[in-house]
Amino acid sequence: MAPDPAPDSAPDSDRDATENNGSAGMTFRPEFFKGLGLAAAVIILDQISKWWILSFVMQPPRVIPLTPFFNLVLGWNRGISFGFLDSGGWLSAWFLPLAAVAISAVLTVWLYRVRRLRAAVGLGLIIGGAMGNLIDRLQFGAVADFLDFYAWGTHWPAFNLADSAITVGAAVLILDSLFEKEKKS
């Protein structure tokens, strides 16, 4: 019978997941599943909201004022955030979808390695938002945007739930990074 391992040889949760199980094993932390679950929720909510807007609310497409600072509208974005690179052609047909898949894959690997719930939340929001917009791009060739906020006659570019998730997720990652630096100082 083998002796009990010494206390310093016990698995360390701060080490890389493969270090504890050898190169053949993978350990999935709870943060990974929470992040993926949040990504799935964002995708589902984003697609339901777009389906509702496209199938019911915007029949026919029009501006629907809801408050003195918010309208529902229908816009199609062939570029990236806020209409940047909205040129159509090969960029929106091939490059942007492939870039979304590649970036989401890298973010999913990052999510696998994350040990903090706050970072997992940020990554899950970004992955879900990117995949929600990717579905639009593959289905329609553009992303459906319908939330129109404005003040004093100046309108922010229309956006959707997926765009909101990406923005909030990026903010959460920045906050997580700042809080982690404070702990290490």
C-alpha atoms as a PDB file:
ATOM      1  CA  MET A   1       0.000   0.000   0.000  1.00  0.00           C
ATOM      2  CA  ALA A   2       1.389   3.396  -1.008  1.00  0.00           C
ATOM      3  CA  PRO A   3       1.925   5.988   1.717  1.00  0.00           C
ATOM      4  CA  ASP A   4      -0.270   9.061   1.850  1.00  0.00           C
ATOM      5  CA  PRO A   5       1.122  11.906  -0.260  1.00  0.00           C
ATOM      6  CA  ALA A   6       2.915  14.673   1.551  1.00  0.00           C
ATOM      7  CA  PRO A   7       0.834  17.827   2.085  1.00  0.00           C
ATOM      8  CA  ASP A   8       2.931  19.808  -0.401  1.00  0.00           C
ATOM      9  CA  SER A   9       2.272  17.264  -3.195  1.00  0.00           C
ATOM     10  CA  ALA A  10      -1.522  17.577  -2.977  1.00  0.00           C
ATOM     11  CA  PRO A  11      -3.246  19.072  -6.049  1.00  0.00           C
ATOM     12  CA  ASP A  12      -3.015  22.838  -6.025  1.00  0.00           C
ATOM     13  CA  SER A  13      -6.107  24.608  -7.379  1.00  0.00           C
ATOM     14  CA  ASP A  14      -3.936  27.540  -8.498  1.00  0.00           C
ATOM     15  CA  ARG A  15      -1.933  25.369 -10.914  1.00  0.00           C
ATOM     16  CA  ASP A  16      -2.931  24.803 -14.523  1.00  0.00           C
ATOM     17  CA  ALA A  17      -5.721  22.206 -14.835  1.00  0.00           C
ATOM     18  CA  THR A  18      -3.586  19.791 -16.859  1.00  0.00           C
ATOM     19  CA  GLU A  19      -0.799  19.882 -14.274  1.00  0.00           C
ATOM     20  CA  ASN A  20      -2.999  18.077 -11.748  1.00  0.00           C
ATOM     21  CA  ASN A  21      -4.228  15.345 -14.098  1.00  0.00           C
ATOM     22  CA  GLY A  22      -1.378  14.864 -16.528  1.00  0.00           C
ATOM     23  CA  SER A  23      -1.484  15.849 -20.160  1.00  0.00           C
ATOM     24  CA  ALA A  24      -4.251  13.368 -21.054  1.00  0.00           C
ATOM     25  CA  GLY A  25      -6.784  14.567 -18.445  1.00  0.00           C
ATOM     26  CA  MET A  26      -8.772  17.779 -18.419  1.00  0.00           C
ATOM     27  CA  THR A  27     -10.356  19.390 -15.395  1.00  0.00           C
ATOM     28  CA  PHE A  28     -13.348  21.586 -15.988  1.00  0.00           C
ATOM     29  CA  ARG A  29     -13.807  24.107 -13.221  1.00  0.00           C
ATOM     30  CA  PRO A  30     -17.280  25.265 -12.192  1.00  0.00           C
ATOM     31  CA  GLU A  31     -16.448  28.727 -13.584  1.00  0.00           C
ATOM     32  CA  PHE A  32     -16.125  27.201 -17.062  1.00  0.00           C
ATOM     33  CA  PHE A  33     -19.624  25.749 -16.965  1.00  0.00           C
ATOM     34  CA  LYS A  34     -21.070  28.941 -15.472  1.00  0.00           C
ATOM     35  CA  GLY A  35     -19.470  30.996 -18.233  1.00  0.00           C
ATOM     36  CA  LEU A  36     -20.720  28.623 -20.948  1.00  0.00           C
ATOM     37  CA  GLY A  37     -24.193  28.601 -19.383  1.00  0.00           C
ATOM     38  CA  LEU A  38     -24.249  32.396 -19.412  1.00  0.00           C
ATOM     39  CA  ALA A  39     -23.077  32.397 -23.056  1.00  0.00           C
ATOM     40  CA  ALA A  40     -25.908  30.006 -23.957  1.00  0.00           C
ATOM     41  CA  ALA A  41     -28.443  32.191 -22.118  1.00  0.00           C
ATOM     42  CA  VAL A  42     -27.227  35.292 -23.985  1.00  0.00           C
ATOM     43  CA  ILE A  43     -27.506  33.488 -27.341  1.00  0.00           C
ATOM     44  CA  ILE A  44     -31.033  32.287 -26.575  1.00  0.00           C
ATOM     45  CA  LEU A  45     -32.270  35.669 -25.288  1.00  0.00           C
ATOM     46  CA  ASP A  46     -30.620  37.522 -28.168  1.00  0.00           C
ATOM     47  CA  GLN A  47     -32.158  35.260 -30.801  1.00  0.00           C
ATOM     48  CA  ILE A  48     -35.609  35.367 -29.171  1.00  0.00           C
ATOM     49  CA  SER A  49     -35.489  39.176 -29.021  1.00  0.00           C
ATOM     50  CA  LYS A  50     -34.460  39.429 -32.686  1.00  0.00           C
ATOM     51  CA  TRP A  51     -37.103  36.910 -33.762  1.00  0.00           C
ATOM     52  CA  TRP A  52     -39.778  38.901 -31.904  1.00  0.00           C
ATOM     53  CA  ILE A  53     -38.621  42.221 -33.400  1.00  0.00           C
ATOM     54  CA  LEU A  54     -38.339  40.851 -36.949  1.00  0.00           C
ATOM     55  CA  SER A  55     -41.493  38.718 -36.914  1.00  0.00           C
ATOM     56  CA  PHE A  56     -43.936  40.911 -35.014  1.00  0.00           C
ATOM     57  CA  VAL A  57     -42.792  44.359 -33.913  1.00  0.00           C
ATOM     58  CA  MET A  58     -41.218  45.582 -37.161  1.00  0.00           C
ATOM     59  CA  GLN A  59     -43.994  44.486 -39.496  1.00  0.00           C
ATOM     60  CA  PRO A  60     -43.744  46.887 -41.289  1.00  0.00           C
ATOM     61  CA  PRO A  61     -40.352  48.348 -40.301  1.00  0.00           C
ATOM     62  CA  ARG A  62     -40.751  51.762 -38.667  1.00  0.00           C
ATOM     63  CA  VAL A  63     -39.570  53.907 -35.763  1.00  0.00           C
ATOM     64  CA  ILE A  64     -41.479  53.156 -32.562  1.00  0.00           C
ATOM     65  CA  PRO A  65     -40.912  55.853 -29.903  1.00  0.00           C
ATOM     66  CA  LEU A  66     -41.096  54.343 -26.394  1.00  0.00           C
ATOM     67  CA  THR A  67     -39.649  57.123 -24.205  1.00  0.00           C
ATOM     68  CA  PRO A  68     -38.217  60.613 -24.786  1.00  0.00           C
ATOM     69  CA  PHE A  69     -34.772  58.953 -25.162  1.00  0.00           C
ATOM     70  CA  PHE A  70     -35.456  55.480 -26.589  1.00  0.00           C
ATOM     71  CA  ASN A  71     -36.964  54.089 -29.809  1.00  0.00           C
ATOM     72  CA  LEU A  72     -37.301  50.688 -31.380  1.00  0.00           C
ATOM     73  CA  VAL A  73     -35.998  50.761 -34.953  1.00  0.00           C
ATOM     74  CA  LEU A  74     -34.766  48.190 -37.442  1.00  0.00           C
ATOM     75  CA  GLY A  75     -31.288  48.470 -38.861  1.00  0.00           C
ATOM     76  CA  TRP A  76     -28.974  45.966 -40.519  1.00  0.00           C
ATOM     77  CA  ASN A  77     -25.289  46.153 -39.645  1.00  0.00           C
ATOM     78  CA  ARG A  78     -22.962  44.466 -42.133  1.00  0.00           C
ATOM     79  CA  GLY A  79     -19.858  45.708 -40.302  1.00  0.00           C
ATOM     80  CA  ILE A  80     -18.707  45.362 -36.713  1.00  0.00           C
ATOM     81  CA  SER A  81     -19.727  47.313 -33.626  1.00  0.00           C
ATOM     82  CA  PHE A  82     -21.701  50.482 -34.283  1.00  0.00           C
ATOM     83  CA  GLY A  83     -21.495  50.055 -38.063  1.00  0.00           C
ATOM     84  CA  PHE A  84     -17.701  50.269 -38.256  1.00  0.00           C
ATOM     85  CA  LEU A  85     -16.406  48.561 -41.452  1.00  0.00           C
ATOM     86  CA  ASP A  86     -19.960  48.411 -42.829  1.00  0.00           C
ATOM     87  CA  SER A  87     -18.816  47.938 -46.415  1.00  0.00           C
ATOM     88  CA  GLY A  88     -20.447  44.600 -47.192  1.00  0.00           C
ATOM     89  CA  GLY A  89     -18.761  42.312 -49.724  1.00  0.00           C
ATOM     90  CA  TRP A  90     -16.184  39.728 -48.704  1.00  0.00           C
ATOM     91  CA  LEU A  91     -15.519  41.471 -45.397  1.00  0.00           C
ATOM     92  CA  SER A  92     -18.977  40.850 -43.968  1.00  0.00           C
ATOM     93  CA  ALA A  93     -19.564  37.618 -45.893  1.00  0.00           C
ATOM     94  CA  TRP A  94     -16.373  35.774 -44.921  1.00  0.00           C
ATOM     95  CA  PHE A  95     -13.895  37.650 -42.795  1.00  0.00           C
ATOM     96  CA  LEU A  96     -16.172  38.840 -39.963  1.00  0.00           C
ATOM     97  CA  PRO A  97     -17.859  35.435 -39.425  1.00  0.00           C
ATOM     98  CA  LEU A  98     -14.483  33.650 -39.433  1.00  0.00           C
ATOM     99  CA  ALA A  99     -13.029  36.263 -37.080  1.00  0.00           C
ATOM    100  CA  ALA A 100     -16.010  35.825 -34.717  1.00  0.00           C
ATOM    101  CA  VAL A 101     -15.462  32.045 -34.633  1.00  0.00           C
ATOM    102  CA  ALA A 102     -11.705  32.391 -34.077  1.00  0.00           C
ATOM    103  CA  ILE A 103     -12.066  35.021 -31.350  1.00  0.00           C
ATOM    104  CA  SER A 104     -14.797  32.996 -29.622  1.00  0.00           C
ATOM    105  CA  ALA A 105     -12.553  29.903 -29.702  1.00  0.00           C
ATOM    106  CA  VAL A 106      -9.704  31.841 -28.075  1.00  0.00           C
ATOM    107  CA  LEU A 107     -12.097  33.270 -25.473  1.00  0.00           C
ATOM    108  CA  THR A 108     -13.426  29.761 -24.747  1.00  0.00           C
ATOM    109  CA  VAL A 109      -9.876  28.529 -24.076  1.00  0.00           C
ATOM    110  CA  TRP A 110      -9.411  31.529 -21.780  1.00  0.00           C
ATOM    111  CA  LEU A 111     -12.707  30.651 -20.069  1.00  0.00           C
ATOM    112  CA  TYR A 112     -11.427  27.097 -19.533  1.00  0.00           C
ATOM    113  CA  ARG A 113      -8.406  28.491 -17.694  1.00  0.00           C
ATOM    114  CA  VAL A 114     -10.288  31.060 -15.598  1.00  0.00           C
ATOM    115  CA  ARG A 115     -10.419  30.662 -11.825  1.00  0.00           C
ATOM    116  CA  ARG A 116     -12.552  33.683 -10.914  1.00  0.00           C
ATOM    117  CA  LEU A 117     -16.309  33.857 -11.364  1.00  0.00           C
ATOM    118  CA  ARG A 118     -16.211  37.533 -12.346  1.00  0.00           C
ATOM    119  CA  ALA A 119     -13.863  36.763 -15.271  1.00  0.00           C
ATOM    120  CA  ALA A 120     -16.035  33.787 -16.285  1.00  0.00           C
ATOM    121  CA  VAL A 121     -19.087  36.060 -16.339  1.00  0.00           C
ATOM    122  CA  GLY A 122     -17.304  38.606 -18.539  1.00  0.00           C
ATOM    123  CA  LEU A 123     -16.070  35.952 -20.958  1.00  0.00           C
ATOM    124  CA  GLY A 124     -19.465  34.226 -21.062  1.00  0.00           C
ATOM    125  CA  LEU A 125     -21.180  37.505 -21.948  1.00  0.00           C
ATOM    126  CA  ILE A 126     -18.690  38.241 -24.739  1.00  0.00           C
ATOM    127  CA  ILE A 127     -18.818  34.714 -26.185  1.00  0.00           C
ATOM    128  CA  GLY A 128     -22.621  34.663 -26.099  1.00  0.00           C
ATOM    129  CA  GLY A 129     -22.874  38.082 -27.733  1.00  0.00           C
ATOM    130  CA  ALA A 130     -20.384  37.187 -30.444  1.00  0.00           C
ATOM    131  CA  MET A 131     -22.203  33.931 -31.218  1.00  0.00           C
ATOM    132  CA  GLY A 132     -25.611  35.665 -31.223  1.00  0.00           C
ATOM    133  CA  ASN A 133     -24.401  38.158 -33.815  1.00  0.00           C
ATOM    134  CA  LEU A 134     -22.663  35.381 -35.770  1.00  0.00           C
ATOM    135  CA  ILE A 135     -25.991  33.562 -36.113  1.00  0.00           C
ATOM    136  CA  ASP A 136     -27.514  36.732 -37.645  1.00  0.00           C
ATOM    137  CA  ARG A 137     -24.572  37.191 -39.969  1.00  0.00           C
ATOM    138  CA  LEU A 138     -24.851  33.604 -41.220  1.00  0.00           C
ATOM    139  CA  GLN A 139     -28.646  33.725 -41.509  1.00  0.00           C
ATOM    140  CA  PHE A 140     -29.152  37.231 -42.950  1.00  0.00           C
ATOM    141  CA  GLY A 141     -25.717  38.416 -44.087  1.00  0.00           C
ATOM    142  CA  ALA A 142     -25.963  41.215 -41.500  1.00  0.00           C
ATOM    143  CA  VAL A 143     -26.742  41.751 -37.814  1.00  0.00           C
ATOM    144  CA  ALA A 144     -30.211  42.971 -36.824  1.00  0.00           C
ATOM    145  CA  ASP A 145     -30.037  46.062 -34.586  1.00  0.00           C
ATOM    146  CA  PHE A 146     -33.136  47.594 -33.018  1.00  0.00           C
ATOM    147  CA  LEU A 147     -32.358  49.475 -29.790  1.00  0.00           C
ATOM    148  CA  ASP A 148     -32.054  53.223 -30.457  1.00  0.00           C
ATOM    149  CA  PHE A 149     -31.038  55.493 -27.567  1.00  0.00           C
ATOM    150  CA  TYR A 150     -30.643  59.233 -28.044  1.00  0.00           C
ATOM    151  CA  ALA A 151     -30.300  62.533 -26.207  1.00  0.00           C
ATOM    152  CA  TRP A 152     -30.796  66.127 -27.408  1.00  0.00           C
ATOM    153  CA  GLY A 153     -31.363  64.916 -30.967  1.00  0.00           C
ATOM    154  CA  THR A 154     -28.163  62.875 -31.126  1.00  0.00           C
ATOM    155  CA  HIS A 155     -28.673  59.130 -31.623  1.00  0.00           C
ATOM    156  CA  TRP A 156     -26.277  56.433 -30.508  1.00  0.00           C
ATOM    157  CA  PRO A 157     -25.895  53.811 -33.271  1.00  0.00           C
ATOM    158  CA  ALA A 158     -28.644  51.189 -32.980  1.00  0.00           C
ATOM    159  CA  PHE A 159     -27.616  47.966 -31.269  1.00  0.00           C
ATOM    160  CA  ASN A 160     -29.058  44.712 -29.922  1.00  0.00           C
ATOM    161  CA  LEU A 161     -28.901  42.447 -26.871  1.00  0.00           C
ATOM    162  CA  ALA A 162     -25.779  40.650 -28.148  1.00  0.00           C
ATOM    163  CA  ASP A 163     -23.951  43.984 -28.535  1.00  0.00           C
ATOM    164  CA  SER A 164     -24.977  44.895 -24.983  1.00  0.00           C
ATOM    165  CA  ALA A 165     -23.655  41.574 -23.666  1.00  0.00           C
ATOM    166  CA  ILE A 166     -20.308  42.114 -25.419  1.00  0.00           C
ATOM    167  CA  THR A 167     -19.978  45.630 -23.981  1.00  0.00           C
ATOM    168  CA  VAL A 168     -20.957  44.614 -20.441  1.00  0.00           C
ATOM    169  CA  GLY A 169     -18.694  41.552 -20.660  1.00  0.00           C
ATOM    170  CA  ALA A 170     -15.719  43.696 -21.671  1.00  0.00           C
ATOM    171  CA  ALA A 171     -16.432  46.072 -18.769  1.00  0.00           C
ATOM    172  CA  VAL A 172     -16.628  43.121 -16.346  1.00  0.00           C
ATOM    173  CA  LEU A 173     -13.260  41.809 -17.594  1.00  0.00           C
ATOM    174  CA  ILE A 174     -11.690  45.246 -17.122  1.00  0.00           C
ATOM    175  CA  LEU A 175     -13.090  45.480 -13.579  1.00  0.00           C
ATOM    176  CA  ASP A 176     -11.908  41.948 -12.830  1.00  0.00           C
ATOM    177  CA  SER A 177      -8.434  42.865 -14.041  1.00  0.00           C
ATOM    178  CA  LEU A 178      -8.375  46.008 -11.875  1.00  0.00           C
ATOM    179  CA  PHE A 179      -9.577  44.163  -8.754  1.00  0.00           C
ATOM    180  CA  GLU A 180      -7.018  41.401  -9.245  1.00  0.00           C
ATOM    181  CA  LYS A 181      -4.199  43.946  -9.550  1.00  0.00           C
ATOM    182  CA  GLU A 182      -5.341  45.590  -6.293  1.00  0.00           C
ATOM    183  CA  LYS A 183      -5.234  42.216  -4.502  1.00  0.00           C
ATOM    184  CA  LYS A 184      -1.696  41.519  -5.771  1.00  0.00           C
ATOM    185  CA  SER A 185      -0.332  44.950  -4.734  1.00  0.00           C
END
